[in-house]
C-alpha cells in the first residue's frame, strides 16, 4: 500500500490567537487547512518548521491541541522561528523530530533540524551531517524521504536564497552518494517550488511547500508577498520509490 503524507509548514501561530501576520490571521488560516484535511486524512503529518512565530509555549500548546483533533501520527520539525527548548517541553518525545529516523510502510523518513538559534538562515553542522550519513547507511534498501525546514537548492529569489541551507554542498555530498534518496521536502520559502537535483546516483526531487498562512512571491529579487491563499502538500509514496505529489490551496 502507498504511504500518504501531508506536509504542513510555516504555520507561524502566535501566542495571541487574534494576532495577524502579513495580513493573515495564522490561527484561522491553519484551522481552515485542518478542516480541509479532515475530508481525506493522510497516514501521517510532517510539520516542517516555523510552527510558531515567536517560539512561545502557548502557541505550541495550541498547535498540539489542533493537530491532535485529526487523530493521526504527526512529526514536528523546527524552523528558524521556533524555540528548540520550548518545543521539547511541549511536543511529546515520540512526535518531536529534531534529527529523527522513522521507518513506515516501506519508506525511510529522515527528519532533520536545520536551525541555528538566532539566525534566519539554516545550517546542519558537522554533527547533524554525520548523523544524516549514518541514518542513510542504516536502511540502504528502503526508498528515502528527507525533510527539513530550509531549502537545499536555490529557488531563484536572491534575498531568499541567501537565507537557505548554508552547508547545502555538504548535504549533497552525502545525499548524492545514496541512491535510495528519492525526495527532499522543505518549507521556509512560503511558496510552491520543485527543483531537480541530478547526482551520480540518480535524480532527487526537491520540493518546497507553501505556508499555511501568508505567501512570498516567487522569483522576486527582494522580499515581496504573494496573494495566493494558504496551502499544503500531499505526497503519495509508493513501495517501489515512486513519488506523486500535489499542492492544495485553501481559500
Protein backbone atom coordinates (compact mmCIF):
# COMPACT_ATOMS: atom_id res chain seq x y z
CA UNK A 1 0.00 0.00 0.00
CA UNK A 2 1.28 3.52 -0.74
CA UNK A 3 2.09 5.83 2.13
CA UNK A 4 0.08 9.06 2.23
CA UNK A 5 1.86 12.04 3.83
CA UNK A 6 0.75 15.63 4.20
CA UNK A 7 3.35 18.33 4.74
CA UNK A 8 2.27 21.41 6.69
CA UNK A 9 4.82 24.18 7.03
CA UNK A 10 5.39 27.76 8.16
CA UNK A 11 2.30 27.86 10.38
CA UNK A 12 3.51 30.81 12.47
CA UNK A 13 0.98 30.51 15.29
CA UNK A 14 1.27 33.47 17.66
CA UNK A 15 0.83 33.43 21.42
CA UNK A 16 -2.19 35.70 20.88
CA UNK A 17 -4.59 33.80 18.56
CA UNK A 18 -6.04 37.09 17.29
CA UNK A 19 -2.68 38.36 16.01
CA UNK A 20 -2.25 38.93 12.27
CA UNK A 21 0.94 38.20 10.31
CA UNK A 22 1.39 39.85 6.90
CA UNK A 23 -2.35 40.40 6.75
CA UNK A 24 -3.29 36.84 7.69
CA UNK A 25 -4.65 35.51 10.98
CA UNK A 26 -2.45 32.45 11.27
CA UNK A 27 -4.76 30.58 13.64
CA UNK A 28 -7.75 30.92 11.35
CA UNK A 29 -5.80 30.01 8.21
CA UNK A 30 -4.37 26.91 9.92
CA UNK A 31 -7.83 25.91 11.10
CA UNK A 32 -9.11 26.11 7.51
CA UNK A 33 -6.27 23.87 6.34
CA UNK A 34 -7.01 21.28 9.04
CA UNK A 35 -10.70 21.39 8.20
CA UNK A 36 -9.83 20.62 4.58
CA UNK A 37 -7.61 17.71 5.65
CA UNK A 38 -10.42 16.11 7.62
CA UNK A 39 -12.15 15.24 4.34
CA UNK A 40 -9.30 12.92 3.33
CA UNK A 41 -6.88 12.17 6.14
CA UNK A 42 -3.34 11.02 5.27
CA UNK A 43 -1.41 8.33 7.13
CA UNK A 44 0.75 10.92 8.85
CA UNK A 45 1.68 14.60 9.01
CA UNK A 46 5.07 16.23 8.70
CA UNK A 47 5.12 19.76 10.12
CA UNK A 48 8.34 21.21 8.75
CA UNK A 49 9.15 24.19 10.90
CA UNK A 50 8.20 27.74 11.81
CA UNK A 51 5.42 26.14 13.80
CA UNK A 52 5.12 29.35 15.79
CA UNK A 53 6.01 32.97 15.16
CA UNK A 54 7.87 33.67 18.39
CA UNK A 55 8.57 30.26 19.90
CA UNK A 56 6.13 30.77 22.75
CA UNK A 57 4.80 27.85 24.78
CA UNK A 58 1.13 28.93 24.48
CA UNK A 59 1.35 28.71 20.69
CA UNK A 60 2.94 25.24 20.83
CA UNK A 61 0.21 24.04 23.19
CA UNK A 62 -2.48 25.37 20.88
CA UNK A 63 -0.81 23.84 17.82
CA UNK A 64 -0.61 20.46 19.51
CA UNK A 65 -4.27 20.63 20.52
CA UNK A 66 -5.36 21.48 16.96
CA UNK A 67 -3.36 18.69 15.34
CA UNK A 68 -4.44 16.09 17.90
CA UNK A 69 -8.01 16.53 16.72
CA UNK A 70 -7.06 14.73 13.48
CA UNK A 71 -6.06 11.60 15.46
CA UNK A 72 -3.21 10.66 13.11
CA UNK A 73 0.56 10.47 13.73
CA UNK A 74 2.45 13.75 13.36
CA UNK A 75 6.12 14.70 13.47
CA UNK A 76 7.16 18.26 14.35
CA UNK A 77 10.37 19.68 12.85
CA UNK A 78 11.82 23.05 13.94
CA UNK A 79 12.26 26.18 11.84
CA UNK A 80 14.16 29.40 12.43
CA UNK A 81 11.20 30.96 14.27
CA UNK A 82 10.96 28.03 16.67
CA UNK A 83 12.45 27.66 20.13
CA UNK A 84 14.04 24.23 20.47
CA UNK A 85 13.74 24.13 24.26
CA UNK A 86 10.08 25.18 24.25
CA UNK A 87 9.33 22.60 21.54
CA UNK A 88 10.99 19.87 23.60
CA UNK A 89 8.94 20.84 26.65
CA UNK A 90 5.57 20.89 24.88
CA UNK A 91 5.79 18.43 21.96
CA UNK A 92 5.67 14.76 23.10
CA UNK A 93 9.01 12.97 22.63
CA UNK A 94 7.53 10.44 20.18
CA UNK A 95 6.44 13.31 17.90
CA UNK A 96 9.48 15.57 18.22
CA UNK A 97 11.64 15.42 15.08
CA UNK A 98 14.98 17.04 15.82
CA UNK A 99 17.13 14.61 13.80
CA UNK A 100 14.90 11.56 13.78
CA UNK A 101 14.84 8.42 11.67
CA UNK A 102 11.48 6.71 11.07
CA UNK A 103 10.58 3.65 9.01
CA UNK A 104 6.94 3.41 7.94
CA UNK A 105 5.22 1.41 5.21
CA UNK A 106 8.46 0.53 3.45
CA UNK A 107 9.83 4.09 3.44
CA UNK A 108 12.63 5.63 5.46
CA UNK A 109 11.89 9.16 6.68
CA UNK A 110 14.92 11.20 7.75
CA UNK A 111 13.79 14.29 9.66
CA UNK A 112 16.46 16.95 10.20
CA UNK A 113 16.88 20.11 12.21
CA UNK A 114 18.49 22.86 10.14
CA UNK A 115 18.03 25.51 12.84
CA UNK A 116 20.83 27.72 14.13
CA UNK A 117 19.45 29.64 17.14
CA UNK A 118 19.38 33.36 16.47
CA UNK A 119 19.79 33.05 12.69
CA UNK A 120 17.24 33.09 9.85
CA UNK A 121 19.41 31.02 7.53
CA UNK A 122 19.87 27.31 8.15
CA UNK A 123 22.82 25.04 8.75
CA UNK A 124 23.05 21.36 9.62
CA UNK A 125 26.55 21.41 11.06
CA UNK A 126 29.07 18.60 11.32
CA UNK A 127 27.21 16.56 13.96
CA UNK A 128 23.92 16.51 12.07
CA UNK A 129 25.70 15.79 8.78
CA UNK A 130 27.44 12.82 10.41
CA UNK A 131 24.11 11.65 11.84
CA UNK A 132 22.50 12.03 8.39
CA UNK A 133 25.10 9.80 6.77
CA UNK A 134 24.76 7.19 9.49
CA UNK A 135 20.97 7.23 9.10
CA UNK A 136 21.22 6.72 5.34
CA UNK A 137 23.64 3.83 5.83
CA UNK A 138 21.18 2.09 8.14
CA UNK A 139 18.47 1.39 5.54
CA UNK A 140 20.10 1.33 2.09
CA UNK A 141 17.34 -0.87 0.69
CA UNK A 142 14.47 1.50 1.54
CA UNK A 143 13.36 4.47 -0.57
CA UNK A 144 14.06 7.56 1.49
CA UNK A 145 12.46 10.95 2.07
CA UNK A 146 14.49 13.68 3.74
CA UNK A 147 12.65 16.56 5.43
CA UNK A 148 13.98 19.80 6.89
CA UNK A 149 12.94 23.44 7.15
CA UNK A 150 15.42 25.24 4.89
CA UNK A 151 15.52 24.66 1.11
CA UNK A 152 18.56 22.73 -0.09
CA UNK A 153 18.78 24.31 -3.56
CA UNK A 154 18.43 27.90 -4.88
CA UNK A 155 14.86 28.88 -5.74
CA UNK A 156 15.53 31.91 -7.92
CA UNK A 157 14.84 34.61 -5.32
CA UNK A 158 18.19 36.21 -4.36
CA UNK A 159 17.00 37.52 -0.99
CA UNK A 160 15.57 34.14 -0.06
CA UNK A 161 18.40 32.04 -1.44
CA UNK A 162 20.79 33.85 0.90
CA UNK A 163 18.70 32.50 3.78
CA UNK A 164 18.62 28.86 2.71
CA UNK A 165 20.76 25.95 3.89
CA UNK A 166 24.31 27.29 4.24
CA UNK A 167 26.01 23.89 4.11
CA UNK A 168 24.00 22.55 1.18
CA UNK A 169 27.18 21.37 -0.60
CA UNK A 170 27.97 19.08 2.32
CA UNK A 171 24.33 17.94 2.40
CA UNK A 172 24.52 16.93 -1.27
CA UNK A 173 27.91 15.33 -0.88
CA UNK A 174 26.17 12.91 1.47
CA UNK A 175 22.72 12.54 -0.09
CA UNK A 176 24.16 12.35 -3.58
CA UNK A 177 26.05 9.21 -2.58
CA UNK A 178 22.93 7.25 -1.62
CA UNK A 179 20.64 6.25 -4.49
CA UNK A 180 17.75 5.47 -2.14
CA UNK A 181 17.21 9.20 -1.51
CA UNK A 182 14.22 9.98 -3.74
CA UNK A 183 12.79 13.25 -2.44
CA UNK A 184 13.70 16.15 -0.16
CA UNK A 185 10.94 18.36 1.25
CA UNK A 186 11.35 21.78 2.84
CA UNK A 187 9.47 24.91 3.83
CA UNK A 188 10.79 28.37 4.80
CA UNK A 189 10.08 29.93 1.39
CA UNK A 190 6.29 30.32 1.73
CA UNK A 191 5.76 29.21 -1.88
CA UNK A 192 5.45 26.17 -4.13
CA UNK A 193 8.62 25.09 -5.90
CA UNK A 194 10.14 21.92 -7.37
CA UNK A 195 13.81 21.73 -8.32
CA UNK A 196 15.53 18.60 -9.60
CA UNK A 197 18.98 17.63 -8.39
CA UNK A 198 20.93 15.21 -10.57
CA UNK A 199 23.62 13.24 -8.77
CA UNK A 200 25.99 10.45 -9.73
CA UNK A 201 23.47 8.05 -8.17
CA UNK A 202 20.29 9.38 -9.80
CA UNK A 203 17.76 12.18 -9.58
CA UNK A 204 16.33 13.70 -6.40
CA UNK A 205 13.15 15.79 -6.36
CA UNK A 206 13.47 18.83 -4.09
CA UNK A 207 10.05 20.13 -3.10
CA UNK A 208 9.22 23.37 -1.31
CA UNK A 209 5.72 23.82 0.08
CA UNK A 210 3.51 26.88 0.61
CA UNK A 211 2.82 28.23 4.06
CA UNK A 212 -0.46 27.57 5.83
CA UNK A 213 -0.65 31.38 6.23
CA UNK A 214 0.95 34.17 4.13
CA UNK A 215 2.85 33.54 0.88
CA UNK A 216 6.05 35.01 -0.63
CA UNK A 217 6.24 35.98 -4.28
CA UNK A 218 8.37 33.50 -6.28
CA UNK A 219 11.42 34.70 -8.25
CA UNK A 220 11.39 38.11 -6.58
CA UNK A 221 14.79 39.80 -6.12
CA UNK A 222 13.63 41.37 -2.85
CA UNK A 223 11.11 40.42 -0.19
CA UNK A 224 7.57 40.54 -1.57
CA UNK A 225 4.33 38.86 -0.58
CA UNK A 226 2.01 36.99 -2.93
CA UNK A 227 -1.77 37.00 -2.89
CA UNK A 228 -2.13 33.22 -3.19
CA UNK A 229 -4.12 31.51 -0.41
CA UNK A 230 -2.69 29.19 2.26
CA UNK A 231 -1.54 25.78 1.09
CA UNK A 232 -0.17 22.37 1.96
CA UNK A 233 1.39 19.44 0.14
CA UNK A 234 0.14 15.87 -0.15
CA UNK A 235 2.63 13.14 -1.11
CA UNK A 236 1.92 9.57 -2.16
CA UNK A 237 4.96 7.35 -1.64
CA UNK A 238 4.86 4.04 -3.49
CA UNK A 239 6.74 0.98 -2.20
CA UNK A 240 8.90 0.98 -5.36
CA UNK A 241 10.17 4.50 -4.61
CA UNK A 242 7.89 6.48 -6.92
CA UNK A 243 6.52 9.75 -5.57
CA UNK A 244 3.46 11.68 -6.69
CA UNK A 245 2.61 14.99 -5.09
CA UNK A 246 0.05 17.78 -5.26
CA UNK A 247 -0.12 21.18 -3.60
CA UNK A 248 -3.57 22.22 -2.42
CA UNK A 249 -4.67 25.78 -1.78
CA UNK A 250 -7.35 26.57 0.78
CA UNK A 251 -9.37 29.69 0.07
